[in-house]
Protein backbone atom coordinates (compact mmCIF):
# COMPACT_ATOMS: atom_id res chain seq x y z
CA MET A 1 2.85 -70.49 22.14
CA THR A 2 2.19 -68.68 18.89
CA THR A 3 0.06 -66.14 20.74
CA PHE A 4 2.96 -65.38 23.08
CA ILE A 5 5.36 -64.95 20.17
CA LEU A 6 2.90 -62.73 18.33
CA ARG A 7 2.39 -60.53 21.40
CA ALA A 8 6.17 -60.29 21.91
CA LEU A 9 6.62 -59.22 18.27
CA ILE A 10 3.88 -56.60 18.65
CA ALA A 11 5.60 -55.29 21.79
CA ALA A 12 8.90 -55.24 19.90
CA LEU A 13 7.24 -53.16 17.17
CA GLY A 14 5.98 -50.74 19.83
CA LEU A 15 9.44 -50.53 21.38
CA TRP A 16 11.01 -49.91 17.98
CA LEU A 17 8.52 -47.12 17.26
CA ALA A 18 9.27 -45.66 20.69
CA THR A 19 12.99 -45.59 19.90
CA GLU A 20 12.27 -43.85 16.60
CA TRP A 21 9.68 -41.32 17.77
CA VAL A 22 10.47 -40.61 21.44
CA HIS A 23 13.63 -38.64 22.10
CA GLY A 24 15.53 -40.24 24.96
CA ILE A 25 14.83 -43.93 24.33
CA SER A 26 17.52 -45.94 22.59
CA VAL A 27 18.17 -49.61 21.91
CA SER A 28 21.58 -50.74 20.68
CA ASN A 29 20.59 -53.61 18.36
CA PRO A 30 17.64 -55.75 17.21
CA THR A 31 18.52 -58.55 19.63
CA THR A 32 18.27 -56.16 22.55
CA LEU A 33 14.95 -54.94 21.15
CA LEU A 34 13.52 -58.48 21.15
CA LEU A 35 14.93 -59.18 24.62
CA ALA A 36 13.39 -55.93 25.86
CA ALA A 37 10.01 -56.95 24.45
CA LEU A 38 10.21 -60.34 26.18
CA LEU A 39 11.38 -58.79 29.45
CA LEU A 40 8.62 -56.19 29.25
CA GLY A 41 6.10 -59.01 28.96
CA VAL A 42 7.55 -60.75 32.02
CA VAL A 43 7.67 -57.51 34.02
CA ASN A 44 4.08 -56.68 33.06
CA ALA A 45 2.96 -60.16 34.11
CA ILE A 46 4.81 -60.34 37.44
CA VAL A 47 5.88 -56.92 38.75
CA ARG A 48 3.13 -54.68 37.36
CA PRO A 49 0.22 -56.30 39.28
CA LEU A 50 2.15 -55.87 42.52
CA ALA A 51 2.95 -52.24 41.66
CA ILE A 52 -0.70 -51.59 40.84
CA LEU A 53 -1.80 -53.10 44.14
CA LEU A 54 0.72 -51.03 46.11
CA THR A 55 -0.26 -47.79 44.34
CA LEU A 56 -4.01 -48.43 44.43
CA PRO A 57 -4.80 -45.36 46.59
CA PHE A 58 -3.01 -43.05 44.14
CA THR A 59 -4.72 -44.76 41.23
CA LEU A 60 -8.14 -44.27 42.80
CA ILE A 61 -7.48 -40.63 43.69
CA THR A 62 -6.28 -39.83 40.16
CA LEU A 63 -9.13 -41.84 38.58
CA GLY A 64 -6.70 -44.27 36.97
CA LEU A 65 -4.25 -41.76 35.51
CA PHE A 66 -1.51 -42.96 37.87
CA LEU A 67 -1.43 -46.19 35.85
CA LEU A 68 0.43 -44.21 33.19
CA VAL A 69 3.17 -43.58 35.76
CA VAL A 70 3.21 -47.29 36.65
CA ASN A 71 3.60 -48.18 32.95
CA ALA A 72 6.48 -45.72 32.63
CA ALA A 73 8.11 -47.25 35.71
CA MET A 74 7.83 -50.75 34.20
CA LEU A 75 9.52 -49.53 31.02
CA GLY A 76 12.23 -47.91 33.11
CA LEU A 77 12.70 -51.16 35.02
CA VAL A 78 13.24 -53.04 31.76
CA ALA A 79 15.80 -50.43 30.67
CA ALA A 80 17.59 -50.77 34.00
CA PHE A 81 18.02 -54.53 33.52
CA LEU A 82 19.11 -54.51 29.87
CA PRO A 83 22.57 -53.08 29.17
CA GLY A 84 21.78 -52.22 25.54
CA MET A 85 18.66 -50.16 26.31
CA SER A 86 18.61 -46.70 27.82
CA ILE A 87 15.94 -44.19 28.78
CA SER A 88 17.03 -40.65 29.55
CA GLY A 89 14.32 -39.69 32.03
CA PHE A 90 10.76 -39.95 33.25
CA TRP A 91 9.11 -38.14 30.35
CA ALA A 92 10.82 -40.31 27.77
CA ALA A 93 9.63 -43.40 29.66
CA PHE A 94 6.14 -41.88 30.01
CA TRP A 95 5.66 -41.15 26.30
CA GLY A 96 7.36 -44.40 25.31
CA ALA A 97 5.02 -46.38 27.55
CA ILE A 98 1.99 -44.64 26.05
CA LEU A 99 3.21 -45.38 22.51
CA ILE A 100 3.95 -49.02 23.32
CA SER A 101 0.53 -49.40 24.94
CA VAL A 102 -1.26 -47.96 21.91
CA VAL A 103 0.67 -50.16 19.47
CA SER A 104 0.02 -53.24 21.65
CA TRP A 105 -3.66 -52.40 21.90
CA ILE A 106 -4.01 -52.02 18.13
CA GLY A 107 -1.92 -55.12 17.42
CA ASN A 108 -3.85 -57.28 19.86
CA ALA A 109 -7.15 -56.03 18.42
CA LEU A 110 -6.03 -56.96 14.91
CA PHE A 111 -4.58 -60.37 15.73
CA ARG A 112 -6.97 -61.64 18.37
CA PRO A 113 -6.77 -65.45 18.36
CA GLY A 114 -10.09 -67.26 18.62
CA GLN A 115 -12.09 -64.24 17.48
CA ARG A 116 -11.89 -64.89 13.76
CA GLN A 117 -15.04 -65.57 11.82
CA LEU A 118 -14.92 -68.47 9.42
CA PRO A 119 -16.53 -67.90 6.02
CA GLN A 120 -19.75 -69.82 5.52
């Protein structure tokens, strides 16, 4: 449970950075930001695998670069469901998804549960 909360907080940090750095992404309040992070986790767990499977030919042809488009679509889907979050267009979703992915990757590398070395 703590791992899930930690990952949601890392995603919320990525979303907050995306609202600050990417023109075209806005979130109305901190509660919406946390809800967006939770919803993004649910969408990435349920909808994203199906979207990847359906777009597998494009992903193979583009050598995996189409996954960036899938990530942007998942972020756009979250914005469509939350009334307090808005994304102005594809490029805002694209750069926001890249930023959120990088922050999540760094955060998960830093706070990997079970990978800590105990001092001897």
